[in-house]
Amino acid sequence: MLLRLLILALLVAAVAWLVTRRARVAPRGTADTVRPLVQDPVCKTFVPKETAIVVRRGDEDFYFCGRECAERFEQGET
């Protein structure tokens, strides 16, 4: 009986610790975690703007997931 109470107390303590720990983590979608995405015009995938490959045509920037898509775009294969 004492062993069951000890196990129950440990379980309650673990759940309480997880709940309070989870409350300290910033929720998804906050300004700290949001990264702007851009769509690759060739393969249509979305990539983070800061890691995308940029090709400038005139006054417009085009963003690509990789060098292959950027090259296909420059060759007119869109």
Protein backbone atom coordinates (compact mmCIF):
# COMPACT_ATOMS: atom_id res chain seq x y z
CA MET A 1 0.00 0.00 0.00
CA LEU A 2 2.80 2.41 0.87
CA LEU A 3 4.56 1.54 -2.40
CA ARG A 4 1.41 2.40 -4.39
CA LEU A 5 1.14 5.77 -2.66
CA LEU A 6 4.79 6.50 -3.38
CA ILE A 7 4.38 5.61 -7.06
CA LEU A 8 1.23 7.74 -7.29
CA ALA A 9 3.00 10.70 -5.65
CA LEU A 10 5.92 10.40 -8.09
CA LEU A 11 3.52 10.23 -11.02
CA VAL A 12 1.64 13.34 -9.85
CA ALA A 13 4.93 15.19 -9.33
CA ALA A 14 6.13 14.23 -12.84
CA VAL A 15 2.90 15.41 -14.47
CA ALA A 16 3.01 18.68 -12.53
CA TRP A 17 6.62 19.24 -13.60
CA LEU A 18 5.74 18.61 -17.26
CA VAL A 19 2.77 20.98 -17.13
CA THR A 20 4.74 23.82 -15.57
CA ARG A 21 7.65 23.24 -17.95
CA ARG A 22 5.31 23.34 -20.95
CA ALA A 23 3.82 26.63 -19.74
CA ARG A 24 7.28 28.26 -19.85
CA VAL A 25 7.82 27.36 -23.51
CA ALA A 26 6.64 30.00 -26.00
CA PRO A 27 3.56 28.86 -27.91
CA ARG A 28 3.83 28.13 -31.61
CA GLY A 29 3.25 31.03 -33.92
CA THR A 30 4.74 33.71 -31.69
CA ALA A 31 7.01 36.38 -33.10
CA ASP A 32 10.07 34.49 -31.84
CA THR A 33 9.31 31.41 -33.93
CA VAL A 34 7.70 32.80 -37.10
CA ARG A 35 9.96 32.83 -40.13
CA PRO A 36 8.66 34.31 -43.37
CA LEU A 37 8.30 31.78 -46.17
CA VAL A 38 8.54 32.41 -49.90
CA GLN A 39 7.37 30.16 -52.72
CA ASP A 40 9.78 28.84 -55.31
CA PRO A 41 8.21 29.71 -58.72
CA VAL A 42 9.66 26.56 -60.33
CA CYS A 43 8.85 23.67 -57.97
CA LYS A 44 6.25 25.56 -55.89
CA THR A 45 7.79 24.59 -52.54
CA PHE A 46 7.93 27.05 -49.66
CA VAL A 47 11.32 27.90 -48.18
CA PRO A 48 12.42 30.26 -45.40
CA LYS A 49 13.22 33.62 -46.97
CA GLU A 50 16.56 33.93 -45.16
CA THR A 51 17.86 30.64 -46.64
CA ALA A 52 16.40 30.97 -50.15
CA ILE A 53 18.50 31.63 -53.24
CA VAL A 54 17.58 35.02 -54.69
CA VAL A 55 17.56 35.89 -58.39
CA ARG A 56 16.83 39.50 -59.29
CA ARG A 57 15.10 40.38 -62.57
CA GLY A 58 14.57 44.08 -63.05
CA ASP A 59 13.03 45.38 -59.86
CA GLU A 60 11.67 42.01 -58.73
CA ASP A 61 13.29 39.36 -56.52
CA PHE A 62 12.55 35.66 -57.09
CA TYR A 63 13.29 33.13 -54.35
CA PHE A 64 14.32 29.50 -54.91
CA CYS A 65 14.77 26.39 -52.80
CA GLY A 66 18.03 25.48 -54.50
CA ARG A 67 20.51 26.24 -57.24
CA GLU A 68 18.84 23.79 -59.67
CA CYS A 69 15.49 25.60 -59.55
CA ALA A 70 17.20 28.98 -59.89
CA GLU A 71 19.08 27.76 -62.99
CA ARG A 72 15.90 26.30 -64.52
CA PHE A 73 14.19 29.67 -63.95
CA GLU A 74 17.05 31.58 -65.56
CA GLN A 75 16.91 29.24 -68.58
CA GLY A 76 13.18 29.88 -68.95
CA GLU A 77 12.00 26.40 -67.93
CA THR A 78 9.18 27.62 -65.69
